Amino acid sequence: MKNDDLRADRDELDYFIPRSSAKRGNNLVLQVAAGVFLGGLALWLVQLGATMLYAKLMLGTITFGG
């Protein structure tokens, strides 16, 4: 038991063709850029809505119940 060879056998990699990392890296860059842009746009829209609501509250032009 002490001298058993318990190492795993390697898989056959003759059929394995590695993908080019440039294509995957470029896609990742585009996904991060799109996420940053859309996140900034969403934050800007939320800030715009909050500012409009705050302005309406300060002016007292919101009416509840008609």
PDB file of N, CA and C in Angstrom:
ATOM      1  N   MET A   1       0.834  -1.187   0.000  1.00  0.00           N
ATOM      2  CA  MET A   1       0.000   0.000   0.000  1.00  0.00           C
ATOM      3  C   MET A   1       0.878   1.249   0.000  1.00  0.00           C
ATOM      4  N   LYS A   2       1.987   1.183   0.672  1.00  0.00           N
ATOM      5  CA  LYS A   2       2.860   2.341   0.778  1.00  0.00           C
ATOM      6  C   LYS A   2       3.542   2.662  -0.549  1.00  0.00           C
ATOM      7  N   ASN A   3       3.836   1.686  -1.345  1.00  0.00           N
ATOM      8  CA  ASN A   3       4.572   1.876  -2.590  1.00  0.00           C
ATOM      9  C   ASN A   3       3.675   1.819  -3.820  1.00  0.00           C
ATOM     10  N   ASP A   4       2.365   1.927  -3.650  1.00  0.00           N
ATOM     11  CA  ASP A   4       1.459   1.879  -4.803  1.00  0.00           C
ATOM     12  C   ASP A   4       1.644   3.123  -5.664  1.00  0.00           C
ATOM     13  N   ASP A   5       1.513   2.929  -6.970  1.00  0.00           N
ATOM     14  CA  ASP A   5       1.605   4.056  -7.907  1.00  0.00           C
ATOM     15  C   ASP A   5       0.192   4.563  -8.165  1.00  0.00           C
ATOM     16  N   LEU A   6      -0.203   5.648  -7.508  1.00  0.00           N
ATOM     17  CA  LEU A   6      -1.573   6.142  -7.575  1.00  0.00           C
ATOM     18  C   LEU A   6      -1.720   7.347  -8.489  1.00  0.00           C
ATOM     19  N   ARG A   7      -0.740   7.585  -9.352  1.00  0.00           N
ATOM     20  CA  ARG A   7      -0.846   8.733 -10.253  1.00  0.00           C
ATOM     21  C   ARG A   7      -1.868   8.451 -11.349  1.00  0.00           C
ATOM     22  N   ALA A   8      -2.569   9.489 -11.739  1.00  0.00           N
ATOM     23  CA  ALA A   8      -3.582   9.342 -12.791  1.00  0.00           C
ATOM     24  C   ALA A   8      -2.912   9.270 -14.155  1.00  0.00           C
ATOM     25  N   ASP A   9      -3.523   8.500 -15.049  1.00  0.00           N
ATOM     26  CA  ASP A   9      -3.017   8.423 -16.424  1.00  0.00           C
ATOM     27  C   ASP A   9      -3.424   9.676 -17.180  1.00  0.00           C
ATOM     28  N   ARG A  10      -2.571  10.099 -18.074  1.00  0.00           N
ATOM     29  CA  ARG A  10      -2.890  11.271 -18.901  1.00  0.00           C
ATOM     30  C   ARG A  10      -3.885  10.876 -19.994  1.00  0.00           C
ATOM     31  N   ASP A  11      -4.759  11.827 -20.313  1.00  0.00           N
ATOM     32  CA  ASP A  11      -5.676  11.597 -21.421  1.00  0.00           C
ATOM     33  C   ASP A  11      -4.919  11.716 -22.732  1.00  0.00           C
ATOM     34  N   GLU A  12      -5.446  11.091 -23.747  1.00  0.00           N
ATOM     35  CA  GLU A  12      -4.841  11.208 -25.069  1.00  0.00           C
ATOM     36  C   GLU A  12      -5.174  12.579 -25.651  1.00  0.00           C
ATOM     37  N   LEU A  13      -4.156  13.367 -25.963  1.00  0.00           N
ATOM     38  CA  LEU A  13      -4.366  14.729 -26.452  1.00  0.00           C
ATOM     39  C   LEU A  13      -4.065  14.851 -27.941  1.00  0.00           C
ATOM     40  N   ASP A  14      -4.033  13.713 -28.653  1.00  0.00           N
ATOM     41  CA  ASP A  14      -3.722  13.763 -30.083  1.00  0.00           C
ATOM     42  C   ASP A  14      -4.823  14.471 -30.867  1.00  0.00           C
ATOM     43  N   TYR A  15      -6.070  14.312 -30.456  1.00  0.00           N
ATOM     44  CA  TYR A  15      -7.201  14.893 -31.180  1.00  0.00           C
ATOM     45  C   TYR A  15      -7.502  16.319 -30.715  1.00  0.00           C
ATOM     46  N   PHE A  16      -6.854  16.773 -29.682  1.00  0.00           N
ATOM     47  CA  PHE A  16      -7.154  18.083 -29.095  1.00  0.00           C
ATOM     48  C   PHE A  16      -6.501  19.197 -29.903  1.00  0.00           C
ATOM     49  N   ILE A  17      -7.312  20.154 -30.360  1.00  0.00           N
ATOM     50  CA  ILE A  17      -6.802  21.310 -31.086  1.00  0.00           C
ATOM     51  C   ILE A  17      -7.098  22.541 -30.233  1.00  0.00           C
ATOM     52  N   PRO A  18      -6.082  23.191 -29.698  1.00  0.00           N
ATOM     53  CA  PRO A  18      -6.341  24.347 -28.831  1.00  0.00           C
ATOM     54  C   PRO A  18      -6.888  25.530 -29.616  1.00  0.00           C
ATOM     55  N   ARG A  19      -7.805  26.261 -28.966  1.00  0.00           N
ATOM     56  CA  ARG A  19      -8.346  27.468 -29.584  1.00  0.00           C
ATOM     57  C   ARG A  19      -7.339  28.594 -29.474  1.00  0.00           C
ATOM     58  N   SER A  20      -7.438  29.534 -30.393  1.00  0.00           N
ATOM     59  CA  SER A  20      -6.560  30.694 -30.291  1.00  0.00           C
ATOM     60  C   SER A  20      -7.077  31.600 -29.175  1.00  0.00           C
ATOM     61  N   SER A  21      -6.172  32.059 -28.327  1.00  0.00           N
ATOM     62  CA  SER A  21      -6.583  32.858 -27.181  1.00  0.00           C
ATOM     63  C   SER A  21      -6.902  34.301 -27.583  1.00  0.00           C
ATOM     64  N   ALA A  22      -6.466  34.739 -28.754  1.00  0.00           N
ATOM     65  CA  ALA A  22      -6.716  36.122 -29.171  1.00  0.00           C
ATOM     66  C   ALA A  22      -8.207  36.355 -29.399  1.00  0.00           C
ATOM     67  N   LYS A  23      -8.881  35.395 -30.004  1.00  0.00           N
ATOM     68  CA  LYS A  23     -10.308  35.554 -30.265  1.00  0.00           C
ATOM     69  C   LYS A  23     -11.090  35.617 -28.956  1.00  0.00           C
ATOM     70  N   ARG A  24     -10.757  34.735 -28.026  1.00  0.00           N
ATOM     71  CA  ARG A  24     -11.460  34.720 -26.747  1.00  0.00           C
ATOM     72  C   ARG A  24     -11.144  35.976 -25.936  1.00  0.00           C
ATOM     73  N   GLY A  25      -9.904  36.429 -25.981  1.00  0.00           N
ATOM     74  CA  GLY A  25      -9.530  37.628 -25.256  1.00  0.00           C
ATOM     75  C   GLY A  25     -10.223  38.857 -25.787  1.00  0.00           C
ATOM     76  N   ASN A  26     -10.344  38.958 -27.100  1.00  0.00           N
ATOM     77  CA  ASN A  26     -11.024  40.096 -27.710  1.00  0.00           C
ATOM     78  C   ASN A  26     -12.502  40.094 -27.331  1.00  0.00           C
ATOM     79  N   ASN A  27     -13.117  38.923 -27.307  1.00  0.00           N
ATOM     80  CA  ASN A  27     -14.515  38.820 -26.926  1.00  0.00           C
ATOM     81  C   ASN A  27     -14.705  39.248 -25.475  1.00  0.00           C
ATOM     82  N   LEU A  28     -13.779  38.872 -24.617  1.00  0.00           N
ATOM     83  CA  LEU A  28     -13.867  39.256 -23.209  1.00  0.00           C
ATOM     84  C   LEU A  28     -13.746  40.768 -23.054  1.00  0.00           C
ATOM     85  N   VAL A  29     -12.848  41.369 -23.821  1.00  0.00           N
ATOM     86  CA  VAL A  29     -12.688  42.826 -23.767  1.00  0.00           C
ATOM     87  C   VAL A  29     -13.969  43.513 -24.204  1.00  0.00           C
ATOM     88  N   LEU A  30     -14.598  43.006 -25.250  1.00  0.00           N
ATOM     89  CA  LEU A  30     -15.851  43.610 -25.718  1.00  0.00           C
ATOM     90  C   LEU A  30     -16.971  43.426 -24.701  1.00  0.00           C
ATOM     91  N   GLN A  31     -17.020  42.284 -24.039  1.00  0.00           N
ATOM     92  CA  GLN A  31     -18.054  42.062 -23.033  1.00  0.00           C
ATOM     93  C   GLN A  31     -17.867  42.984 -21.835  1.00  0.00           C
ATOM     94  N   VAL A  32     -16.628  43.166 -21.406  1.00  0.00           N
ATOM     95  CA  VAL A  32     -16.376  44.063 -20.276  1.00  0.00           C
ATOM     96  C   VAL A  32     -16.706  45.503 -20.662  1.00  0.00           C
ATOM     97  N   ALA A  33     -16.322  45.914 -21.875  1.00  0.00           N
ATOM     98  CA  ALA A  33     -16.610  47.277 -22.317  1.00  0.00           C
ATOM     99  C   ALA A  33     -18.118  47.514 -22.422  1.00  0.00           C
ATOM    100  N   ALA A  34     -18.850  46.538 -22.945  1.00  0.00           N
ATOM    101  CA  ALA A  34     -20.300  46.680 -23.048  1.00  0.00           C
ATOM    102  C   ALA A  34     -20.941  46.717 -21.665  1.00  0.00           C
ATOM    103  N   GLY A  35     -20.438  45.922 -20.734  1.00  0.00           N
ATOM    104  CA  GLY A  35     -20.982  45.933 -19.384  1.00  0.00           C
ATOM    105  C   GLY A  35     -20.736  47.255 -18.678  1.00  0.00           C
ATOM    106  N   VAL A  36     -19.545  47.810 -18.856  1.00  0.00           N
ATOM    107  CA  VAL A  36     -19.246  49.106 -18.240  1.00  0.00           C
ATOM    108  C   VAL A  36     -20.130  50.189 -18.838  1.00  0.00           C
ATOM    109  N   PHE A  37     -20.292  50.177 -20.158  1.00  0.00           N
ATOM    110  CA  PHE A  37     -21.114  51.188 -20.825  1.00  0.00           C
ATOM    111  C   PHE A  37     -22.570  51.081 -20.386  1.00  0.00           C
ATOM    112  N   LEU A  38     -23.123  49.875 -20.406  1.00  0.00           N
ATOM    113  CA  LEU A  38     -24.533  49.707 -20.042  1.00  0.00           C
ATOM    114  C   LEU A  38     -24.764  49.981 -18.560  1.00  0.00           C
ATOM    115  N   GLY A  39     -23.794  49.630 -17.719  1.00  0.00           N
ATOM    116  CA  GLY A  39     -23.921  49.938 -16.302  1.00  0.00           C
ATOM    117  C   GLY A  39     -23.905  51.433 -16.048  1.00  0.00           C
ATOM    118  N   GLY A  40     -23.039  52.151 -16.753  1.00  0.00           N
ATOM    119  CA  GLY A  40     -23.002  53.603 -16.628  1.00  0.00           C
ATOM    120  C   GLY A  40     -24.281  54.251 -17.124  1.00  0.00           C
ATOM    121  N   LEU A  41     -24.811  53.729 -18.220  1.00  0.00           N
ATOM    122  CA  LEU A  41     -26.069  54.254 -18.754  1.00  0.00           C
ATOM    123  C   LEU A  41     -27.213  54.024 -17.773  1.00  0.00           C
ATOM    124  N   ALA A  42     -27.260  52.844 -17.173  1.00  0.00           N
ATOM    125  CA  ALA A  42     -28.319  52.548 -16.199  1.00  0.00           C
ATOM    126  C   ALA A  42     -28.192  53.452 -14.978  1.00  0.00           C
ATOM    127  N   LEU A  43     -26.972  53.659 -14.491  1.00  0.00           N
ATOM    128  CA  LEU A  43     -26.789  54.547 -13.343  1.00  0.00           C
ATOM    129  C   LEU A  43     -27.191  55.979 -13.676  1.00  0.00           C
ATOM    130  N   TRP A  44     -26.877  56.411 -14.893  1.00  0.00           N
ATOM    131  CA  TRP A  44     -27.241  57.763 -15.304  1.00  0.00           C
ATOM    132  C   TRP A  44     -28.762  57.922 -15.360  1.00  0.00           C
ATOM    133  N   LEU A  45     -29.461  56.911 -15.883  1.00  0.00           N
ATOM    134  CA  LEU A  45     -30.921  56.983 -15.954  1.00  0.00           C
ATOM    135  C   LEU A  45     -31.548  56.974 -14.556  1.00  0.00           C
ATOM    136  N   VAL A  46     -31.013  56.188 -13.643  1.00  0.00           N
ATOM    137  CA  VAL A  46     -31.531  56.173 -12.273  1.00  0.00           C
ATOM    138  C   VAL A  46     -31.291  57.528 -11.616  1.00  0.00           C
ATOM    139  N   GLN A  47     -30.118  58.106 -11.829  1.00  0.00           N
ATOM    140  CA  GLN A  47     -29.823  59.411 -11.253  1.00  0.00           C
ATOM    141  C   GLN A  47     -30.746  60.482 -11.842  1.00  0.00           C
ATOM    142  N   LEU A  48     -31.018  60.401 -13.127  1.00  0.00           N
ATOM    143  CA  LEU A  48     -31.916  61.357 -13.766  1.00  0.00           C
ATOM    144  C   LEU A  48     -33.329  61.253 -13.191  1.00  0.00           C
ATOM    145  N   GLY A  49     -33.816  60.022 -13.009  1.00  0.00           N
ATOM    146  CA  GLY A  49     -35.139  59.825 -12.435  1.00  0.00           C
ATOM    147  C   GLY A  49     -35.223  60.309 -10.994  1.00  0.00           C
ATOM    148  N   ALA A  50     -34.181  60.035 -10.224  1.00  0.00           N
ATOM    149  CA  ALA A  50     -34.180  60.481  -8.834  1.00  0.00           C
ATOM    150  C   ALA A  50     -34.127  62.003  -8.750  1.00  0.00           C
ATOM    151  N   THR A  51     -33.369  62.627  -9.636  1.00  0.00           N
ATOM    152  CA  THR A  51     -33.293  64.088  -9.646  1.00  0.00           C
ATOM    153  C   THR A  51     -34.631  64.705 -10.024  1.00  0.00           C
ATOM    154  N   MET A  52     -35.310  64.114 -11.000  1.00  0.00           N
ATOM    155  CA  MET A  52     -36.626  64.629 -11.401  1.00  0.00           C
ATOM    156  C   MET A  52     -37.631  64.474 -10.263  1.00  0.00           C
ATOM    157  N   LEU A  53     -37.603  63.339  -9.577  1.00  0.00           N
ATOM    158  CA  LEU A  53     -38.525  63.118  -8.468  1.00  0.00           C
ATOM    159  C   LEU A  53     -38.230  64.083  -7.325  1.00  0.00           C
ATOM    160  N   TYR A  54     -36.960  64.305  -7.039  1.00  0.00           N
ATOM    161  CA  TYR A  54     -36.580  65.237  -5.981  1.00  0.00           C
ATOM    162  C   TYR A  54     -37.008  66.662  -6.327  1.00  0.00           C
ATOM    163  N   ALA A  55     -36.867  67.044  -7.607  1.00  0.00           N
ATOM    164  CA  ALA A  55     -37.284  68.384  -8.028  1.00  0.00           C
ATOM    165  C   ALA A  55     -38.793  68.551  -7.892  1.00  0.00           C
ATOM    166  N   LYS A  56     -39.543  67.514  -8.247  1.00  0.00           N
ATOM    167  CA  LYS A  56     -40.996  67.586  -8.109  1.00  0.00           C
ATOM    168  C   LYS A  56     -41.399  67.686  -6.639  1.00  0.00           C
ATOM    169  N   LEU A  57     -40.701  66.943  -5.779  1.00  0.00           N
ATOM    170  CA  LEU A  57     -41.015  67.022  -4.355  1.00  0.00           C
ATOM    171  C   LEU A  57     -40.693  68.411  -3.796  1.00  0.00           C
ATOM    172  N   MET A  58     -39.576  68.983  -4.220  1.00  0.00           N
ATOM    173  CA  MET A  58     -39.190  70.293  -3.713  1.00  0.00           C
ATOM    174  C   MET A  58     -40.134  71.390  -4.209  1.00  0.00           C
ATOM    175  N   LEU A  59     -40.641  71.216  -5.431  1.00  0.00           N
ATOM    176  CA  LEU A  59     -41.571  72.223  -5.963  1.00  0.00           C
ATOM    177  C   LEU A  59     -43.003  71.996  -5.464  1.00  0.00           C
ATOM    178  N   GLY A  60     -43.275  70.828  -4.927  1.00  0.00           N
ATOM    179  CA  GLY A  60     -44.613  70.537  -4.421  1.00  0.00           C
ATOM    180  C   GLY A  60     -45.626  70.321  -5.512  1.00  0.00           C
ATOM    181  N   THR A  61     -45.181  69.835  -6.674  1.00  0.00           N
ATOM    182  CA  THR A  61     -46.111  69.648  -7.792  1.00  0.00           C
ATOM    183  C   THR A  61     -46.637  68.223  -7.884  1.00  0.00           C
ATOM    184  N   ILE A  62     -46.292  67.362  -6.925  1.00  0.00           N
ATOM    185  CA  ILE A  62     -46.824  65.994  -6.946  1.00  0.00           C
ATOM    186  C   ILE A  62     -48.157  66.021  -6.201  1.00  0.00           C
ATOM    187  N   THR A  63     -49.167  65.485  -6.862  1.00  0.00           N
ATOM    188  CA  THR A  63     -50.479  65.389  -6.203  1.00  0.00           C
ATOM    189  C   THR A  63     -50.832  63.923  -6.029  1.00  0.00           C
ATOM    190  N   PHE A  64     -51.301  63.573  -4.870  1.00  0.00           N
ATOM    191  CA  PHE A  64     -51.687  62.198  -4.583  1.00  0.00           C
ATOM    192  C   PHE A  64     -53.202  62.091  -4.579  1.00  0.00           C
ATOM    193  N   GLY A  65     -53.722  61.135  -5.279  1.00  0.00           N
ATOM    194  CA  GLY A  65     -55.158  60.859  -5.276  1.00  0.00           C
ATOM    195  C   GLY A  65     -55.977  61.791  -6.163  1.00  0.00           C
ATOM    196  N   GLY A  66     -55.360  62.456  -7.100  1.00  0.00           N
ATOM    197  CA  GLY A  66     -56.084  63.272  -8.072  1.00  0.00           C
ATOM    198  C   GLY A  66     -56.403  64.601  -7.521  1.00  0.00           C
TER     199      GLY A  66
END
